[in-house]
PDB file of all heavy atoms in Angstrom:
ATOM      1  N   ALA A   1      19.613 -23.213  -1.163  1.00  0.00           N
ATOM      2  CA  ALA A   1      20.940 -22.564  -1.155  1.00  0.00           C
ATOM      3  C   ALA A   1      22.043 -23.610  -1.402  1.00  0.00           C
ATOM      4  O   ALA A   1      22.973 -23.347  -2.219  1.00  0.00           O
ATOM      5  CB  ALA A   1      21.179 -21.828   0.181  1.00  0.00           C
ATOM      6  N   ASP A   2      21.955 -24.726  -0.761  1.00  0.00           N
ATOM      7  CA  ASP A   2      22.945 -25.785  -0.924  1.00  0.00           C
ATOM      8  C   ASP A   2      22.980 -26.244  -2.382  1.00  0.00           C
ATOM      9  O   ASP A   2      24.022 -26.413  -2.987  1.00  0.00           O
ATOM     10  CB  ASP A   2      22.647 -26.944  -0.011  1.00  0.00           C
ATOM     11  CG  ASP A   2      23.656 -28.057  -0.124  1.00  0.00           C
ATOM     12  OD1 ASP A   2      24.862 -27.811   0.191  1.00  0.00           O
ATOM     13  OD2 ASP A   2      23.283 -29.169  -0.567  1.00  0.00           O
ATOM     14  N   ARG A   3      21.778 -26.470  -3.015  1.00  0.00           N
ATOM     15  CA  ARG A   3      21.677 -26.905  -4.387  1.00  0.00           C
ATOM     16  C   ARG A   3      22.273 -25.870  -5.336  1.00  0.00           C
ATOM     17  O   ARG A   3      23.026 -26.204  -6.296  1.00  0.00           O
ATOM     18  CB  ARG A   3      20.269 -27.181  -4.805  1.00  0.00           C
ATOM     19  CG  ARG A   3      19.688 -28.528  -4.248  1.00  0.00           C
ATOM     20  CD  ARG A   3      18.336 -28.892  -4.911  1.00  0.00           C
ATOM     21  NE  ARG A   3      17.365 -27.798  -4.922  1.00  0.00           N
ATOM     22  CZ  ARG A   3      16.466 -27.583  -4.005  1.00  0.00           C
ATOM     23  NH1 ARG A   3      16.405 -28.336  -2.900  1.00  0.00           N
ATOM     24  NH2 ARG A   3      15.598 -26.597  -4.067  1.00  0.00           N
ATOM     25  N   LEU A   4      21.968 -24.596  -5.117  1.00  0.00           N
ATOM     26  CA  LEU A   4      22.466 -23.535  -5.960  1.00  0.00           C
ATOM     27  C   LEU A   4      24.021 -23.424  -5.861  1.00  0.00           C
ATOM     28  O   LEU A   4      24.699 -23.266  -6.887  1.00  0.00           O
ATOM     29  CB  LEU A   4      21.832 -22.189  -5.626  1.00  0.00           C
ATOM     30  CG  LEU A   4      20.348 -22.059  -5.992  1.00  0.00           C
ATOM     31  CD1 LEU A   4      19.762 -20.804  -5.365  1.00  0.00           C
ATOM     32  CD2 LEU A   4      20.186 -22.049  -7.491  1.00  0.00           C
ATOM     33  N   LEU A   5      24.543 -23.496  -4.699  1.00  0.00           N
ATOM     34  CA  LEU A   5      26.008 -23.441  -4.500  1.00  0.00           C
ATOM     35  C   LEU A   5      26.719 -24.635  -5.181  1.00  0.00           C
ATOM     36  O   LEU A   5      27.705 -24.465  -5.834  1.00  0.00           O
ATOM     37  CB  LEU A   5      26.371 -23.365  -3.013  1.00  0.00           C
ATOM     38  CG  LEU A   5      26.018 -22.055  -2.317  1.00  0.00           C
ATOM     39  CD1 LEU A   5      26.146 -22.258  -0.814  1.00  0.00           C
ATOM     40  CD2 LEU A   5      26.992 -20.943  -2.801  1.00  0.00           C
ATOM     41  N   THR A   6      26.106 -25.804  -5.025  1.00  0.00           N
ATOM     42  CA  THR A   6      26.634 -27.009  -5.681  1.00  0.00           C
ATOM     43  C   THR A   6      26.592 -26.897  -7.171  1.00  0.00           C
ATOM     44  O   THR A   6      27.558 -27.164  -7.892  1.00  0.00           O
ATOM     45  CB  THR A   6      25.875 -28.292  -5.165  1.00  0.00           C
ATOM     46  OG1 THR A   6      26.050 -28.391  -3.749  1.00  0.00           O
ATOM     47  CG2 THR A   6      26.397 -29.512  -5.857  1.00  0.00           C
ATOM     48  N   ALA A   7      25.458 -26.447  -7.708  1.00  0.00           N
ATOM     49  CA  ALA A   7      25.273 -26.318  -9.180  1.00  0.00           C
ATOM     50  C   ALA A   7      26.276 -25.319  -9.744  1.00  0.00           C
ATOM     51  O   ALA A   7      26.753 -25.423 -10.858  1.00  0.00           O
ATOM     52  CB  ALA A   7      23.843 -25.915  -9.497  1.00  0.00           C
ATOM     53  N   ALA A   8      26.588 -24.270  -8.957  1.00  0.00           N
ATOM     54  CA  ALA A   8      27.524 -23.232  -9.408  1.00  0.00           C
ATOM     55  C   ALA A   8      28.947 -23.659  -9.263  1.00  0.00           C
ATOM     56  O   ALA A   8      29.918 -22.956  -9.688  1.00  0.00           O
ATOM     57  CB  ALA A   8      27.295 -21.946  -8.626  1.00  0.00           C
ATOM     58  N   GLY A   9      29.162 -24.843  -8.596  1.00  0.00           N
ATOM     59  CA  GLY A   9      30.558 -25.239  -8.388  1.00  0.00           C
ATOM     60  C   GLY A   9      31.293 -24.430  -7.365  1.00  0.00           C
ATOM     61  O   GLY A   9      32.539 -24.288  -7.425  1.00  0.00           O
ATOM     62  N   PHE A  10      30.571 -23.846  -6.439  1.00  0.00           N
ATOM     63  CA  PHE A  10      31.177 -22.954  -5.455  1.00  0.00           C
ATOM     64  C   PHE A  10      32.115 -23.735  -4.515  1.00  0.00           C
ATOM     65  O   PHE A  10      31.743 -24.770  -3.957  1.00  0.00           O
ATOM     66  CB  PHE A  10      30.103 -22.253  -4.629  1.00  0.00           C
ATOM     67  CG  PHE A  10      30.579 -21.170  -3.732  1.00  0.00           C
ATOM     68  CD1 PHE A  10      30.832 -19.891  -4.218  1.00  0.00           C
ATOM     69  CD2 PHE A  10      30.854 -21.439  -2.388  1.00  0.00           C
ATOM     70  CE1 PHE A  10      31.305 -18.900  -3.403  1.00  0.00           C
ATOM     71  CE2 PHE A  10      31.350 -20.445  -1.548  1.00  0.00           C
ATOM     72  CZ  PHE A  10      31.559 -19.182  -2.064  1.00  0.00           C
ATOM     73  N   ASP A  11      33.308 -23.230  -4.313  1.00  0.00           N
ATOM     74  CA  ASP A  11      34.336 -23.926  -3.475  1.00  0.00           C
ATOM     75  C   ASP A  11      34.054 -23.597  -2.011  1.00  0.00           C
ATOM     76  O   ASP A  11      34.353 -22.513  -1.502  1.00  0.00           O
ATOM     77  CB  ASP A  11      35.734 -23.416  -3.892  1.00  0.00           C
ATOM     78  CG  ASP A  11      36.814 -24.121  -3.086  1.00  0.00           C
ATOM     79  OD1 ASP A  11      36.536 -24.971  -2.223  1.00  0.00           O
ATOM     80  OD2 ASP A  11      37.978 -23.760  -3.334  1.00  0.00           O
ATOM     81  N   ARG A  12      33.504 -24.587  -1.309  1.00  0.00           N
ATOM     82  CA  ARG A  12      33.193 -24.390   0.118  1.00  0.00           C
ATOM     83  C   ARG A  12      34.364 -24.916   1.008  1.00  0.00           C
ATOM     84  O   ARG A  12      34.215 -24.960   2.212  1.00  0.00           O
ATOM     85  CB  ARG A  12      31.919 -25.127   0.465  1.00  0.00           C
ATOM     86  CG  ARG A  12      30.727 -24.477  -0.188  1.00  0.00           C
ATOM     87  CD  ARG A  12      29.422 -25.053   0.317  1.00  0.00           C
ATOM     88  NE  ARG A  12      28.736 -25.654  -0.804  1.00  0.00           N
ATOM     89  CZ  ARG A  12      27.546 -26.171  -0.751  1.00  0.00           C
ATOM     90  NH1 ARG A  12      26.917 -26.169   0.389  1.00  0.00           N
ATOM     91  NH2 ARG A  12      26.953 -26.686  -1.823  1.00  0.00           N
ATOM     92  N   GLY A  13      35.457 -25.210   0.369  1.00  0.00           N
ATOM     93  CA  GLY A  13      36.587 -25.725   1.142  1.00  0.00           C
ATOM     94  C   GLY A  13      37.582 -24.609   1.500  1.00  0.00           C
ATOM     95  O   GLY A  13      38.626 -24.942   2.129  1.00  0.00           O
ATOM     96  N   ARG A  14      37.271 -23.383   1.276  1.00  0.00           N
ATOM     97  CA  ARG A  14      38.145 -22.297   1.679  1.00  0.00           C
ATOM     98  C   ARG A  14      37.336 -21.188   2.335  1.00  0.00           C
ATOM     99  O   ARG A  14      36.085 -21.218   2.288  1.00  0.00           O
ATOM    100  CB  ARG A  14      38.927 -21.758   0.468  1.00  0.00           C
ATOM    101  CG  ARG A  14      38.053 -21.198  -0.646  1.00  0.00           C
ATOM    102  CD  ARG A  14      38.892 -20.607  -1.773  1.00  0.00           C
ATOM    103  NE  ARG A  14      39.352 -19.301  -1.383  1.00  0.00           N
ATOM    104  CZ  ARG A  14      39.064 -18.160  -2.053  1.00  0.00           C
ATOM    105  NH1 ARG A  14      38.363 -18.209  -3.147  1.00  0.00           N
ATOM    106  NH2 ARG A  14      39.530 -17.029  -1.626  1.00  0.00           N
ATOM    107  N   SER A  15      38.024 -20.214   2.916  1.00  0.00           N
ATOM    108  CA  SER A  15      37.370 -19.063   3.545  1.00  0.00           C
ATOM    109  C   SER A  15      37.494 -17.879   2.651  1.00  0.00           C
ATOM    110  O   SER A  15      38.501 -17.695   1.924  1.00  0.00           O
ATOM    111  CB  SER A  15      38.049 -18.779   4.887  1.00  0.00           C
ATOM    112  OG  SER A  15      37.482 -17.696   5.499  1.00  0.00           O
ATOM    113  N   TYR A  16      36.482 -17.003   2.661  1.00  0.00           N
ATOM    114  CA  TYR A  16      36.451 -15.844   1.832  1.00  0.00           C
ATOM    115  C   TYR A  16      36.346 -14.582   2.717  1.00  0.00           C
ATOM    116  O   TYR A  16      35.564 -14.539   3.646  1.00  0.00           O
ATOM    117  CB  TYR A  16      35.214 -15.853   0.901  1.00  0.00           C
ATOM    118  CG  TYR A  16      35.220 -17.036  -0.027  1.00  0.00           C
ATOM    119  CD1 TYR A  16      34.654 -18.242   0.341  1.00  0.00           C
ATOM    120  CD2 TYR A  16      35.807 -16.928  -1.290  1.00  0.00           C
ATOM    121  CE1 TYR A  16      34.676 -19.369  -0.491  1.00  0.00           C
ATOM    122  CE2 TYR A  16      35.806 -18.021  -2.194  1.00  0.00           C
ATOM    123  CZ  TYR A  16      35.242 -19.188  -1.773  1.00  0.00           C
ATOM    124  OH  TYR A  16      35.256 -20.268  -2.607  1.00  0.00           O
ATOM    125  N   PRO A  17      37.116 -13.524   2.403  1.00  0.00           N
ATOM    126  CA  PRO A  17      36.993 -12.285   3.188  1.00  0.00           C
ATOM    127  C   PRO A  17      35.746 -11.523   2.827  1.00  0.00           C
ATOM    128  O   PRO A  17      35.415 -11.369   1.657  1.00  0.00           O
ATOM    129  CB  PRO A  17      38.270 -11.502   2.818  1.00  0.00           C
ATOM    130  CG  PRO A  17      38.697 -12.025   1.518  1.00  0.00           C
ATOM    131  CD  PRO A  17      38.230 -13.487   1.418  1.00  0.00           C
ATOM    132  N   LEU A  18      35.028 -11.053   3.823  1.00  0.00           N
ATOM    133  CA  LEU A  18      33.925 -10.156   3.639  1.00  0.00           C
ATOM    134  C   LEU A  18      34.330  -8.817   4.292  1.00  0.00           C
ATOM    135  O   LEU A  18      34.377  -8.746   5.500  1.00  0.00           O
ATOM    136  CB  LEU A  18      32.663 -10.738   4.296  1.00  0.00           C
ATOM    137  CG  LEU A  18      31.438  -9.814   4.415  1.00  0.00           C
ATOM    138  CD1 LEU A  18      30.973  -9.292   3.029  1.00  0.00           C
ATOM    139  CD2 LEU A  18      30.288 -10.505   5.087  1.00  0.00           C
ATOM    140  N   VAL A  19      34.612  -7.807   3.463  1.00  0.00           N
ATOM    141  CA  VAL A  19      35.096  -6.583   3.929  1.00  0.00           C
ATOM    142  C   VAL A  19      34.006  -5.640   4.306  1.00  0.00           C
ATOM    143  O   VAL A  19      32.985  -5.500   3.630  1.00  0.00           O
ATOM    144  CB  VAL A  19      36.026  -5.904   2.872  1.00  0.00           C
ATOM    145  CG1 VAL A  19      36.663  -4.650   3.412  1.00  0.00           C
ATOM    146  CG2 VAL A  19      37.058  -6.891   2.386  1.00  0.00           C
ATOM    147  N   THR A  20      34.152  -4.935   5.480  1.00  0.00           N
ATOM    148  CA  THR A  20      33.134  -4.035   5.975  1.00  0.00           C
ATOM    149  C   THR A  20      33.820  -2.923   6.735  1.00  0.00           C
ATOM    150  O   THR A  20      35.046  -2.875   6.861  1.00  0.00           O
ATOM    151  CB  THR A  20      32.103  -4.806   6.873  1.00  0.00           C
ATOM    152  OG1 THR A  20      31.013  -3.944   7.181  1.00  0.00           O
ATOM    153  CG2 THR A  20      32.747  -5.295   8.173  1.00  0.00           C
ATOM    154  N   SER A  21      33.010  -2.020   7.269  1.00  0.00           N
ATOM    155  CA  SER A  21      33.479  -0.899   8.081  1.00  0.00           C
ATOM    156  C   SER A  21      32.425  -0.519   9.112  1.00  0.00           C
ATOM    157  O   SER A  21      31.347  -1.062   9.103  1.00  0.00           O
ATOM    158  CB  SER A  21      33.817   0.316   7.194  1.00  0.00           C
ATOM    159  OG  SER A  21      32.626   0.971   6.799  1.00  0.00           O
ATOM    160  N   ASP A  22      32.790   0.455   9.942  1.00  0.00           N
ATOM    161  CA  ASP A  22      31.846   0.942  10.926  1.00  0.00           C
ATOM    162  C   ASP A  22      31.239   2.306  10.439  1.00  0.00           C
ATOM    163  O   ASP A  22      30.742   3.061  11.218  1.00  0.00           O
ATOM    164  CB  ASP A  22      32.526   1.221  12.259  1.00  0.00           C
ATOM    165  CG  ASP A  22      32.633  -0.029  13.094  1.00  0.00           C
ATOM    166  OD1 ASP A  22      31.770  -0.925  12.980  1.00  0.00           O
ATOM    167  OD2 ASP A  22      33.663  -0.169  13.835  1.00  0.00           O
ATOM    168  N   ASP A  23      31.326   2.586   9.139  1.00  0.00           N
ATOM    169  CA  ASP A  23      30.858   3.833   8.616  1.00  0.00           C
ATOM    170  C   ASP A  23      29.395   4.152   8.892  1.00  0.00           C
ATOM    171  O   ASP A  23      29.006   5.293   9.021  1.00  0.00           O
ATOM    172  CB  ASP A  23      31.082   3.910   7.071  1.00  0.00           C
ATOM    173  CG  ASP A  23      32.519   4.112   6.750  1.00  0.00           C
ATOM    174  OD1 ASP A  23      33.384   4.209   7.610  1.00  0.00           O
ATOM    175  OD2 ASP A  23      32.831   4.165   5.512  1.00  0.00           O
ATOM    176  N   VAL A  24      28.594   3.101   8.968  1.00  0.00           N
ATOM    177  CA  VAL A  24      27.146   3.267   9.119  1.00  0.00           C
ATOM    178  C   VAL A  24      26.751   2.368  10.316  1.00  0.00           C
ATOM    179  O   VAL A  24      27.177   1.228  10.351  1.00  0.00           O
ATOM    180  CB  VAL A  24      26.380   2.847   7.841  1.00  0.00           C
ATOM    181  CG1 VAL A  24      24.894   2.902   8.058  1.00  0.00           C
ATOM    182  CG2 VAL A  24      26.807   3.699   6.698  1.00  0.00           C
ATOM    183  N   PRO A  25      25.899   2.855  11.183  1.00  0.00           N
ATOM    184  CA  PRO A  25      25.481   1.982  12.309  1.00  0.00           C
ATOM    185  C   PRO A  25      24.828   0.697  11.805  1.00  0.00           C
ATOM    186  O   PRO A  25      24.004   0.718  10.919  1.00  0.00           O
ATOM    187  CB  PRO A  25      24.411   2.854  13.065  1.00  0.00           C
ATOM    188  CG  PRO A  25      24.815   4.270  12.688  1.00  0.00           C
ATOM    189  CD  PRO A  25      25.370   4.238  11.305  1.00  0.00           C
ATOM    190  N   GLY A  26      25.371  -0.409  12.318  1.00  0.00           N
ATOM    191  CA  GLY A  26      24.843  -1.734  11.950  1.00  0.00           C
ATOM    192  C   GLY A  26      25.499  -2.378  10.799  1.00  0.00           C
ATOM    193  O   GLY A  26      25.258  -3.556  10.515  1.00  0.00           O
ATOM    194  N   LEU A  27      26.383  -1.675  10.074  1.00  0.00           N
ATOM    195  CA  LEU A  27      26.979  -2.234   8.895  1.00  0.00           C
ATOM    196  C   LEU A  27      27.902  -3.413   9.179  1.00  0.00           C
ATOM    197  O   LEU A  27      27.776  -4.477   8.585  1.00  0.00           O
ATOM    198  CB  LEU A  27      27.759  -1.144   8.088  1.00  0.00           C
ATOM    199  CG  LEU A  27      28.242  -1.528   6.709  1.00  0.00           C
ATOM    200  CD1 LEU A  27      27.061  -1.817   5.815  1.00  0.00           C
ATOM    201  CD2 LEU A  27      29.104  -0.388   6.141  1.00  0.00           C
ATOM    202  N   ALA A  28      28.826  -3.240  10.143  1.00  0.00           N
ATOM    203  CA  ALA A  28      29.733  -4.327  10.497  1.00  0.00           C
ATOM    204  C   ALA A  28      28.972  -5.465  11.124  1.00  0.00           C
ATOM    205  O   ALA A  28      29.272  -6.617  10.907  1.00  0.00           O
ATOM    206  CB  ALA A  28      30.822  -3.778  11.448  1.00  0.00           C
ATOM    207  N   GLU A  29      27.978  -5.117  11.955  1.00  0.00           N
ATOM    208  CA  GLU A  29      27.141  -6.176  12.599  1.00  0.00           C
ATOM    209  C   GLU A  29      26.406  -6.974  11.526  1.00  0.00           C
ATOM    210  O   GLU A  29      26.212  -8.197  11.702  1.00  0.00           O
ATOM    211  CB  GLU A  29      26.191  -5.554  13.617  1.00  0.00           C
ATOM    212  CG  GLU A  29      26.850  -4.950  14.806  1.00  0.00           C
ATOM    213  CD  GLU A  29      27.423  -3.547  14.581  1.00  0.00           C
ATOM    214  OE1 GLU A  29      27.278  -2.989  13.469  1.00  0.00           O
ATOM    215  OE2 GLU A  29      27.965  -2.955  15.547  1.00  0.00           O
ATOM    216  N   SER A  30      25.935  -6.326  10.488  1.00  0.00           N
ATOM    217  CA  SER A  30      25.195  -7.038   9.436  1.00  0.00           C
ATOM    218  C   SER A  30      26.142  -8.017   8.726  1.00  0.00           C
ATOM    219  O   SER A  30      25.744  -9.123   8.332  1.00  0.00           O
ATOM    220  CB  SER A  30      24.582  -6.094   8.414  1.00  0.00           C
ATOM    221  OG  SER A  30      25.536  -5.487   7.579  1.00  0.00           O
ATOM    222  N   ALA A  31      27.401  -7.646   8.573  1.00  0.00           N
ATOM    223  CA  ALA A  31      28.380  -8.534   7.938  1.00  0.00           C
ATOM    224  C   ALA A  31      28.640  -9.758   8.817  1.00  0.00           C
ATOM    225  O   ALA A  31      28.691 -10.889   8.318  1.00  0.00           O
ATOM    226  CB  ALA A  31      29.711  -7.790   7.721  1.00  0.00           C
ATOM    227  N   THR A  32      28.716  -9.556  10.138  1.00  0.00           N
ATOM    228  CA  THR A  32      28.888 -10.646  11.067  1.00  0.00           C
ATOM    229  C   THR A  32      27.715 -11.592  11.037  1.00  0.00           C
ATOM    230  O   THR A  32      27.882 -12.835  10.996  1.00  0.00           O
ATOM    231  CB  THR A  32      29.118 -10.089  12.504  1.00  0.00           C
ATOM    232  OG1 THR A  32      30.299  -9.317  12.467  1.00  0.00           O
ATOM    233  CG2 THR A  32      29.303 -11.264  13.495  1.00  0.00           C
ATOM    234  N   LEU A  33      26.489 -11.039  10.982  1.00  0.00           N
ATOM    235  CA  LEU A  33      25.276 -11.862  10.921  1.00  0.00           C
ATOM    236  C   LEU A  33      25.234 -12.620   9.589  1.00  0.00           C
ATOM    237  O   LEU A  33      24.902 -13.844   9.579  1.00  0.00           O
ATOM    238  CB  LEU A  33      24.054 -10.959  11.047  1.00  0.00           C
ATOM    239  CG  LEU A  33      22.727 -11.704  10.903  1.00  0.00           C
ATOM    240  CD1 LEU A  33      22.513 -12.765  11.978  1.00  0.00           C
ATOM    241  CD2 LEU A  33      21.532 -10.720  10.966  1.00  0.00           C
ATOM    242  N   PHE A  34      25.585 -12.005   8.459  1.00  0.00           N
ATOM    243  CA  PHE A  34      25.598 -12.670   7.176  1.00  0.00           C
ATOM    244  C   PHE A  34      26.588 -13.830   7.196  1.00  0.00           C
ATOM    245  O   PHE A  34      26.297 -14.928   6.722  1.00  0.00           O
ATOM    246  CB  PHE A  34      25.926 -11.678   6.090  1.00  0.00           C
ATOM    247  CG  PHE A  34      25.955 -12.261   4.688  1.00  0.00           C
ATOM    248  CD1 PHE A  34      24.787 -12.710   4.142  1.00  0.00           C
ATOM    249  CD2 PHE A  34      27.109 -12.382   3.979  1.00  0.00           C
ATOM    250  CE1 PHE A  34      24.752 -13.256   2.815  1.00  0.00           C
ATOM    251  CE2 PHE A  34      27.128 -12.903   2.739  1.00  0.00           C
ATOM    252  CZ  PHE A  34      25.934 -13.345   2.133  1.00  0.00           C
ATOM    253  N   ALA A  35      27.750 -13.610   7.771  1.00  0.00           N
ATOM    254  CA  ALA A  35      28.784 -14.656   7.838  1.00  0.00           C
ATOM    255  C   ALA A  35      28.288 -15.842   8.671  1.00  0.00           C
ATOM    256  O   ALA A  35      28.466 -17.011   8.280  1.00  0.00           O
ATOM    257  CB  ALA A  35      30.052 -14.116   8.426  1.00  0.00           C
ATOM    258  N   HIS A  36      27.590 -15.527   9.740  1.00  0.00           N
ATOM    259  CA  HIS A  36      26.995 -16.562  10.618  1.00  0.00           C
ATOM    260  C   HIS A  36      25.979 -17.400   9.826  1.00  0.00           C
ATOM    261  O   HIS A  36      25.965 -18.617   9.868  1.00  0.00           O
ATOM    262  CB  HIS A  36      26.368 -15.925  11.844  1.00  0.00           C
ATOM    263  CG  HIS A  36      25.574 -16.922  12.653  1.00  0.00           C
ATOM    264  ND1 HIS A  36      26.165 -17.802  13.561  1.00  0.00           N
ATOM    265  CD2 HIS A  36      24.243 -17.091  12.742  1.00  0.00           C
ATOM    266  CE1 HIS A  36      25.213 -18.512  14.110  1.00  0.00           C
ATOM    267  NE2 HIS A  36      24.052 -18.108  13.645  1.00  0.00           N
ATOM    268  N   GLU A  37      25.135 -16.713   9.089  1.00  0.00           N
ATOM    269  CA  GLU A  37      24.084 -17.397   8.304  1.00  0.00           C
ATOM    270  C   GLU A  37      24.665 -18.266   7.176  1.00  0.00           C
ATOM    271  O   GLU A  37      24.208 -19.344   6.908  1.00  0.00           O
ATOM    272  CB  GLU A  37      23.061 -16.398   7.767  1.00  0.00           C
ATOM    273  CG  GLU A  37      22.221 -15.759   8.793  1.00  0.00           C
ATOM    274  CD  GLU A  37      21.347 -16.746   9.575  1.00  0.00           C
ATOM    275  OE1 GLU A  37      20.604 -17.485   8.940  1.00  0.00           O
ATOM    276  OE2 GLU A  37      21.471 -16.782  10.802  1.00  0.00           O
ATOM    277  N   MET A  38      25.719 -17.774   6.564  1.00  0.00           N
ATOM    278  CA  MET A  38      26.344 -18.511   5.427  1.00  0.00           C
ATOM    279  C   MET A  38      27.010 -19.782   5.936  1.00  0.00           C
ATOM    280  O   MET A  38      27.110 -20.788   5.185  1.00  0.00           O
ATOM    281  CB  MET A  38      27.378 -17.622   4.695  1.00  0.00           C
ATOM    282  CG  MET A  38      26.730 -16.458   3.943  1.00  0.00           C
ATOM    283  SD  MET A  38      25.526 -16.998   2.732  1.00  0.00           S
ATOM    284  CE  MET A  38      26.620 -17.833   1.571  1.00  0.00           C
ATOM    285  N   ARG A  39      27.453 -19.875   7.195  1.00  0.00           N
ATOM    286  CA  ARG A  39      28.011 -21.087   7.726  1.00  0.00           C
ATOM    287  C   ARG A  39      27.020 -22.241   7.699  1.00  0.00           C
ATOM    288  O   ARG A  39      27.368 -23.409   7.634  1.00  0.00           O
ATOM    289  CB  ARG A  39      28.511 -20.870   9.157  1.00  0.00           C
ATOM    290  CG  ARG A  39      29.845 -20.140   9.202  1.00  0.00           C
ATOM    291  CD  ARG A  39      30.497 -20.228  10.584  1.00  0.00           C
ATOM    292  NE  ARG A  39      29.788 -19.586  11.639  1.00  0.00           N
ATOM    293  CZ  ARG A  39      29.911 -18.318  12.007  1.00  0.00           C
ATOM    294  NH1 ARG A  39      30.758 -17.528  11.350  1.00  0.00           N
ATOM    295  NH2 ARG A  39      29.194 -17.809  12.976  1.00  0.00           N
ATOM    296  N   LYS A  40      25.731 -21.886   7.740  1.00  0.00           N
ATOM    297  CA  LYS A  40      24.704 -22.938   7.711  1.00  0.00           C
ATOM    298  C   LYS A  40      24.723 -23.725   6.420  1.00  0.00           C
ATOM    299  O   LYS A  40      24.141 -24.837   6.353  1.00  0.00           O
ATOM    300  CB  LYS A  40      23.325 -22.282   7.897  1.00  0.00           C
ATOM    301  CG  LYS A  40      23.131 -21.729   9.310  1.00  0.00           C
ATOM    302  CD  LYS A  40      21.770 -21.052   9.441  1.00  0.00           C
ATOM    303  CE  LYS A  40      21.619 -20.441  10.832  1.00  0.00           C
ATOM    304  NZ  LYS A  40      20.273 -19.769  10.965  1.00  0.00           N
ATOM    305  N   VAL A  41      25.277 -23.170   5.333  1.00  0.00           N
ATOM    306  CA  VAL A  41      25.370 -23.855   4.047  1.00  0.00           C
ATOM    307  C   VAL A  41      26.843 -24.166   3.710  1.00  0.00           C
ATOM    308  O   VAL A  41      27.175 -24.418   2.544  1.00  0.00           O
ATOM    309  CB  VAL A  41      24.652 -23.139   2.909  1.00  0.00           C
ATOM    310  CG1 VAL A  41      23.118 -23.164   3.102  1.00  0.00           C
ATOM    311  CG2 VAL A  41      25.184 -21.711   2.741  1.00  0.00           C
ATOM    312  N   GLY A  42      27.708 -24.090   4.715  1.00  0.00           N
ATOM    313  CA  GLY A  42      29.091 -24.485   4.516  1.00  0.00           C
ATOM    314  C   GLY A  42      29.975 -23.466   3.870  1.00  0.00           C
ATOM    315  O   GLY A  42      31.071 -23.777   3.404  1.00  0.00           O
ATOM    316  N   VAL A  43      29.573 -22.201   3.875  1.00  0.00           N
ATOM    317  CA  VAL A  43      30.373 -21.105   3.352  1.00  0.00           C
ATOM    318  C   VAL A  43      31.042 -20.375   4.472  1.00  0.00           C
ATOM    319  O   VAL A  43      30.366 -19.908   5.393  1.00  0.00           O
ATOM    320  CB  VAL A  43      29.549 -20.152   2.477  1.00  0.00           C
ATOM    321  CG1 VAL A  43      30.414 -18.970   2.018  1.00  0.00           C
ATOM    322  CG2 VAL A  43      28.939 -20.864   1.285  1.00  0.00           C
ATOM    323  N   GLN A  44      32.372 -20.349   4.472  1.00  0.00           N
ATOM    324  CA  GLN A  44      33.122 -19.689   5.537  1.00  0.00           C
ATOM    325  C   GLN A  44      33.518 -18.264   5.107  1.00  0.00           C
ATOM    326  O   GLN A  44      34.239 -18.139   4.100  1.00  0.00           O
ATOM    327  CB  GLN A  44      34.395 -20.476   5.851  1.00  0.00           C
ATOM    328  CG  GLN A  44      34.111 -21.929   6.292  1.00  0.00           C
ATOM    329  CD  GLN A  44      33.243 -21.972   7.529  1.00  0.00           C
ATOM    330  OE1 GLN A  44      33.481 -21.242   8.519  1.00  0.00           O
ATOM    331  NE2 GLN A  44      32.259 -22.843   7.523  1.00  0.00           N
TER     332      GLN A  44
END
């Protein structure tokens, strides 16, 4: 993941909004989990 982000020139120096809702059970929680996992490769 780190190599792919680096090769793509992905800017890890800023934060990105991940928009979600509570429309479906677990949807907002999945967004929170995804955001947590992305921090492991320096994506905020």
